[in-house]
PDB file of all heavy atoms in Angstrom:
ATOM      1  N   ASP A   1     157.997 192.249  62.986  1.00  0.00           N
ATOM      2  CA  ASP A   1     157.242 193.484  63.211  1.00  0.00           C
ATOM      3  C   ASP A   1     155.922 193.192  63.918  1.00  0.00           C
ATOM      4  O   ASP A   1     154.852 193.162  63.298  1.00  0.00           O
ATOM      5  CB  ASP A   1     156.998 194.198  61.877  1.00  0.00           C
ATOM      6  CG  ASP A   1     156.383 195.579  62.047  1.00  0.00           C
ATOM      7  OD1 ASP A   1     156.205 196.024  63.203  1.00  0.00           O
ATOM      8  OD2 ASP A   1     156.060 196.210  61.029  1.00  0.00           O
ATOM      9  N   VAL A   2     155.986 192.990  65.218  1.00  0.00           N
ATOM     10  CA  VAL A   2     154.799 192.678  66.002  1.00  0.00           C
ATOM     11  C   VAL A   2     153.806 193.841  65.971  1.00  0.00           C
ATOM     12  O   VAL A   2     152.596 193.652  65.790  1.00  0.00           O
ATOM     13  CB  VAL A   2     155.187 192.344  67.456  1.00  0.00           C
ATOM     14  CG1 VAL A   2     153.957 192.220  68.346  1.00  0.00           C
ATOM     15  CG2 VAL A   2     155.993 191.051  67.494  1.00  0.00           C
ATOM     16  N   VAL A   3     154.292 195.052  66.139  1.00  0.00           N
ATOM     17  CA  VAL A   3     153.414 196.223  66.194  1.00  0.00           C
ATOM     18  C   VAL A   3     152.656 196.394  64.880  1.00  0.00           C
ATOM     19  O   VAL A   3     151.436 196.606  64.867  1.00  0.00           O
ATOM     20  CB  VAL A   3     154.211 197.499  66.522  1.00  0.00           C
ATOM     21  CG1 VAL A   3     153.303 198.722  66.468  1.00  0.00           C
ATOM     22  CG2 VAL A   3     154.855 197.390  67.892  1.00  0.00           C
ATOM     23  N   GLY A   4     153.354 196.302  63.758  1.00  0.00           N
ATOM     24  CA  GLY A   4     152.703 196.450  62.467  1.00  0.00           C
ATOM     25  C   GLY A   4     151.637 195.396  62.244  1.00  0.00           C
ATOM     26  O   GLY A   4     150.538 195.691  61.748  1.00  0.00           O
ATOM     27  N   CYS A   5     151.948 194.153  62.624  1.00  0.00           N
ATOM     28  CA  CYS A   5     150.977 193.074  62.460  1.00  0.00           C
ATOM     29  C   CYS A   5     149.764 193.268  63.372  1.00  0.00           C
ATOM     30  O   CYS A   5     148.619 193.038  62.962  1.00  0.00           O
ATOM     31  CB  CYS A   5     151.638 191.728  62.736  1.00  0.00           C
ATOM     32  SG  CYS A   5     152.732 191.159  61.416  1.00  0.00           S
ATOM     33  N   GLU A   6     150.002 193.702  64.602  1.00  0.00           N
ATOM     34  CA  GLU A   6     148.883 193.888  65.522  1.00  0.00           C
ATOM     35  C   GLU A   6     147.989 195.058  65.109  1.00  0.00           C
ATOM     36  O   GLU A   6     146.756 194.948  65.142  1.00  0.00           O
ATOM     37  CB  GLU A   6     149.404 194.103  66.945  1.00  0.00           C
ATOM     38  CG  GLU A   6     149.975 192.839  67.561  1.00  0.00           C
ATOM     39  CD  GLU A   6     150.277 192.973  69.034  1.00  0.00           C
ATOM     40  OE1 GLU A   6     150.699 194.080  69.459  1.00  0.00           O
ATOM     41  OE2 GLU A   6     150.107 191.989  69.769  1.00  0.00           O
ATOM     42  N   LEU A   7     148.585 196.162  64.701  1.00  0.00           N
ATOM     43  CA  LEU A   7     147.769 197.322  64.316  1.00  0.00           C
ATOM     44  C   LEU A   7     147.029 197.071  63.006  1.00  0.00           C
ATOM     45  O   LEU A   7     145.875 197.466  62.847  1.00  0.00           O
ATOM     46  CB  LEU A   7     148.639 198.572  64.215  1.00  0.00           C
ATOM     47  CG  LEU A   7     149.160 199.111  65.553  1.00  0.00           C
ATOM     48  CD1 LEU A   7     150.051 200.331  65.321  1.00  0.00           C
ATOM     49  CD2 LEU A   7     148.008 199.473  66.489  1.00  0.00           C
ATOM     50  N   GLY A   8     147.692 196.407  62.058  1.00  0.00           N
ATOM     51  CA  GLY A   8     147.022 196.087  60.807  1.00  0.00           C
ATOM     52  C   GLY A   8     145.819 195.200  61.022  1.00  0.00           C
ATOM     53  O   GLY A   8     144.731 195.445  60.474  1.00  0.00           O
ATOM     54  N   GLY A   9     145.985 194.170  61.847  1.00  0.00           N
ATOM     55  CA  GLY A   9     144.888 193.256  62.120  1.00  0.00           C
ATOM     56  C   GLY A   9     143.757 193.895  62.896  1.00  0.00           C
ATOM     57  O   GLY A   9     142.594 193.512  62.742  1.00  0.00           O
ATOM     58  N   ALA A  10     144.078 194.869  63.727  1.00  0.00           N
ATOM     59  CA  ALA A  10     143.046 195.531  64.535  1.00  0.00           C
ATOM     60  C   ALA A  10     142.245 196.533  63.718  1.00  0.00           C
ATOM     61  O   ALA A  10     141.011 196.475  63.662  1.00  0.00           O
ATOM     62  CB  ALA A  10     143.698 196.230  65.732  1.00  0.00           C
ATOM     63  N   LEU A  11     142.933 197.451  63.060  1.00  0.00           N
ATOM     64  CA  LEU A  11     142.227 198.553  62.411  1.00  0.00           C
ATOM     65  C   LEU A  11     141.511 198.156  61.130  1.00  0.00           C
ATOM     66  O   LEU A  11     140.582 198.843  60.705  1.00  0.00           O
ATOM     67  CB  LEU A  11     143.182 199.719  62.140  1.00  0.00           C
ATOM     68  CG  LEU A  11     143.187 200.760  63.267  1.00  0.00           C
ATOM     69  CD1 LEU A  11     143.900 200.231  64.496  1.00  0.00           C
ATOM     70  CD2 LEU A  11     143.797 202.066  62.819  1.00  0.00           C
ATOM     71  N   LYS A  12     141.899 197.057  60.509  1.00  0.00           N
ATOM     72  CA  LYS A  12     141.189 196.644  59.298  1.00  0.00           C
ATOM     73  C   LYS A  12     139.720 196.366  59.611  1.00  0.00           C
ATOM     74  O   LYS A  12     138.859 196.517  58.732  1.00  0.00           O
ATOM     75  CB  LYS A  12     141.879 195.446  58.662  1.00  0.00           C
ATOM     76  CG  LYS A  12     141.986 194.202  59.537  1.00  0.00           C
ATOM     77  CD  LYS A  12     140.807 193.263  59.402  1.00  0.00           C
ATOM     78  CE  LYS A  12     140.934 192.078  60.339  1.00  0.00           C
ATOM     79  NZ  LYS A  12     139.799 191.147  60.239  1.00  0.00           N
ATOM     80  N   ASN A  13     139.414 195.962  60.840  1.00  0.00           N
ATOM     81  CA  ASN A  13     138.015 195.711  61.194  1.00  0.00           C
ATOM     82  C   ASN A  13     137.198 196.999  61.215  1.00  0.00           C
ATOM     83  O   ASN A  13     136.014 196.997  60.865  1.00  0.00           O
ATOM     84  CB  ASN A  13     137.941 195.027  62.565  1.00  0.00           C
ATOM     85  CG  ASN A  13     138.357 193.576  62.507  1.00  0.00           C
ATOM     86  OD1 ASN A  13     138.172 192.908  61.491  1.00  0.00           O
ATOM     87  ND2 ASN A  13     138.928 193.071  63.590  1.00  0.00           N
ATOM     88  N   VAL A  14     137.814 198.091  61.627  1.00  0.00           N
ATOM     89  CA  VAL A  14     137.135 199.386  61.628  1.00  0.00           C
ATOM     90  C   VAL A  14     136.827 199.812  60.195  1.00  0.00           C
ATOM     91  O   VAL A  14     135.705 200.239  59.881  1.00  0.00           O
ATOM     92  CB  VAL A  14     138.000 200.459  62.326  1.00  0.00           C
ATOM     93  CG1 VAL A  14     137.284 201.801  62.339  1.00  0.00           C
ATOM     94  CG2 VAL A  14     138.367 200.020  63.738  1.00  0.00           C
ATOM     95  N   ILE A  15     137.820 199.684  59.328  1.00  0.00           N
ATOM     96  CA  ILE A  15     137.645 200.084  57.929  1.00  0.00           C
ATOM     97  C   ILE A  15     136.620 199.191  57.245  1.00  0.00           C
ATOM     98  O   ILE A  15     135.852 199.646  56.376  1.00  0.00           O
ATOM     99  CB  ILE A  15     138.992 200.045  57.192  1.00  0.00           C
ATOM    100  CG1 ILE A  15     140.035 200.894  57.931  1.00  0.00           C
ATOM    101  CG2 ILE A  15     138.832 200.528  55.759  1.00  0.00           C
ATOM    102  CD1 ILE A  15     139.621 202.327  58.214  1.00  0.00           C
ATOM    103  N   ALA A  16     136.561 197.927  57.634  1.00  0.00           N
ATOM    104  CA  ALA A  16     135.577 197.016  57.050  1.00  0.00           C
ATOM    105  C   ALA A  16     134.150 197.430  57.409  1.00  0.00           C
ATOM    106  O   ALA A  16     133.217 197.227  56.618  1.00  0.00           O
ATOM    107  CB  ALA A  16     135.839 195.587  57.498  1.00  0.00           C
ATOM    108  N   ILE A  17     133.954 197.997  58.596  1.00  0.00           N
ATOM    109  CA  ILE A  17     132.626 198.524  58.944  1.00  0.00           C
ATOM    110  C   ILE A  17     132.268 199.662  58.002  1.00  0.00           C
ATOM    111  O   ILE A  17     131.137 199.740  57.484  1.00  0.00           O
ATOM    112  CB  ILE A  17     132.587 198.985  60.410  1.00  0.00           C
ATOM    113  CG1 ILE A  17     132.778 197.791  61.354  1.00  0.00           C
ATOM    114  CG2 ILE A  17     131.254 199.687  60.720  1.00  0.00           C
ATOM    115  CD1 ILE A  17     132.916 198.176  62.824  1.00  0.00           C
ATOM    116  N   ALA A  18     133.237 200.540  57.738  1.00  0.00           N
ATOM    117  CA  ALA A  18     132.998 201.639  56.794  1.00  0.00           C
ATOM    118  C   ALA A  18     132.693 201.098  55.394  1.00  0.00           C
ATOM    119  O   ALA A  18     131.819 201.614  54.690  1.00  0.00           O
ATOM    120  CB  ALA A  18     134.223 202.556  56.750  1.00  0.00           C
ATOM    121  N   PHE A  19     133.413 200.062  54.993  1.00  0.00           N
ATOM    122  CA  PHE A  19     133.174 199.441  53.690  1.00  0.00           C
ATOM    123  C   PHE A  19     131.751 198.886  53.629  1.00  0.00           C
ATOM    124  O   PHE A  19     131.045 199.035  52.628  1.00  0.00           O
ATOM    125  CB  PHE A  19     134.186 198.324  53.457  1.00  0.00           C
ATOM    126  CG  PHE A  19     134.158 197.739  52.076  1.00  0.00           C
ATOM    127  CD1 PHE A  19     135.048 198.185  51.111  1.00  0.00           C
ATOM    128  CD2 PHE A  19     133.257 196.735  51.737  1.00  0.00           C
ATOM    129  CE1 PHE A  19     135.033 197.646  49.828  1.00  0.00           C
ATOM    130  CE2 PHE A  19     133.232 196.184  50.473  1.00  0.00           C
ATOM    131  CZ  PHE A  19     134.127 196.643  49.506  1.00  0.00           C
ATOM    132  N   GLY A  20     131.320 198.257  54.710  1.00  0.00           N
ATOM    133  CA  GLY A  20     129.962 197.730  54.767  1.00  0.00           C
ATOM    134  C   GLY A  20     128.914 198.829  54.669  1.00  0.00           C
ATOM    135  O   GLY A  20     127.860 198.640  54.037  1.00  0.00           O
ATOM    136  N   ILE A  21     129.190 199.963  55.277  1.00  0.00           N
ATOM    137  CA  ILE A  21     128.276 201.102  55.157  1.00  0.00           C
ATOM    138  C   ILE A  21     128.166 201.533  53.697  1.00  0.00           C
ATOM    139  O   ILE A  21     127.069 201.764  53.181  1.00  0.00           O
ATOM    140  CB  ILE A  21     128.739 202.266  56.050  1.00  0.00           C
ATOM    141  CG1 ILE A  21     128.565 201.899  57.537  1.00  0.00           C
ATOM    142  CG2 ILE A  21     127.974 203.546  55.726  1.00  0.00           C
ATOM    143  CD1 ILE A  21     129.156 202.903  58.501  1.00  0.00           C
ATOM    144  N   ALA A  22     129.310 201.639  53.017  1.00  0.00           N
ATOM    145  CA  ALA A  22     129.294 202.008  51.596  1.00  0.00           C
ATOM    146  C   ALA A  22     128.525 200.986  50.771  1.00  0.00           C
ATOM    147  O   ALA A  22     127.759 201.342  49.859  1.00  0.00           O
ATOM    148  CB  ALA A  22     130.731 202.134  51.078  1.00  0.00           C
ATOM    149  N   GLU A  23     128.713 199.723  51.102  1.00  0.00           N
ATOM    150  CA  GLU A  23     127.989 198.651  50.402  1.00  0.00           C
ATOM    151  C   GLU A  23     126.492 198.761  50.666  1.00  0.00           C
ATOM    152  O   GLU A  23     125.671 198.654  49.748  1.00  0.00           O
ATOM    153  CB  GLU A  23     128.514 197.294  50.853  1.00  0.00           C
ATOM    154  CG  GLU A  23     127.861 196.100  50.179  1.00  0.00           C
ATOM    155  CD  GLU A  23     128.253 195.944  48.728  1.00  0.00           C
ATOM    156  OE1 GLU A  23     129.340 196.420  48.338  1.00  0.00           O
ATOM    157  OE2 GLU A  23     127.472 195.323  47.975  1.00  0.00           O
ATOM    158  N   GLY A  24     126.138 198.970  51.922  1.00  0.00           N
ATOM    159  CA  GLY A  24     124.724 199.070  52.285  1.00  0.00           C
ATOM    160  C   GLY A  24     124.029 200.262  51.657  1.00  0.00           C
ATOM    161  O   GLY A  24     122.836 200.206  51.347  1.00  0.00           O
ATOM    162  N   LEU A  25     124.778 201.344  51.449  1.00  0.00           N
ATOM    163  CA  LEU A  25     124.212 202.539  50.807  1.00  0.00           C
ATOM    164  C   LEU A  25     124.264 202.451  49.282  1.00  0.00           C
ATOM    165  O   LEU A  25     123.806 203.376  48.613  1.00  0.00           O
ATOM    166  CB  LEU A  25     124.991 203.779  51.272  1.00  0.00           C
ATOM    167  CG  LEU A  25     124.830 204.172  52.743  1.00  0.00           C
ATOM    168  CD1 LEU A  25     125.745 205.346  53.078  1.00  0.00           C
ATOM    169  CD2 LEU A  25     123.377 204.517  53.067  1.00  0.00           C
ATOM    170  N   LYS A  26     124.854 201.348  48.764  1.00  0.00           N
ATOM    171  CA  LYS A  26     124.972 201.126  47.313  1.00  0.00           C
ATOM    172  C   LYS A  26     125.695 202.299  46.635  1.00  0.00           C
ATOM    173  O   LYS A  26     125.262 202.813  45.598  1.00  0.00           O
ATOM    174  CB  LYS A  26     123.591 200.901  46.684  1.00  0.00           C
ATOM    175  CG  LYS A  26     122.848 199.714  47.296  1.00  0.00           C
ATOM    176  CD  LYS A  26     121.563 199.421  46.566  1.00  0.00           C
ATOM    177  CE  LYS A  26     120.785 198.301  47.232  1.00  0.00           C
ATOM    178  NZ  LYS A  26     121.525 197.041  47.385  1.00  0.00           N
ATOM    179  N   LEU A  27     126.837 202.681  47.218  1.00  0.00           N
ATOM    180  CA  LEU A  27     127.571 203.841  46.706  1.00  0.00           C
ATOM    181  C   LEU A  27     128.496 203.500  45.536  1.00  0.00           C
ATOM    182  O   LEU A  27     129.043 204.396  44.912  1.00  0.00           O
ATOM    183  CB  LEU A  27     128.380 204.468  47.846  1.00  0.00           C
ATOM    184  CG  LEU A  27     127.543 205.095  48.964  1.00  0.00           C
ATOM    185  CD1 LEU A  27     128.442 205.670  50.046  1.00  0.00           C
ATOM    186  CD2 LEU A  27     126.628 206.187  48.409  1.00  0.00           C
TER     187      LEU A  27
END
């Protein structure tokens, strides 16, 4: 599953930015 592996690896970085925002806001 090349597509699944590529999309998972790509979009997790976007979600990690959101996670960092939540961490930075101490939510």
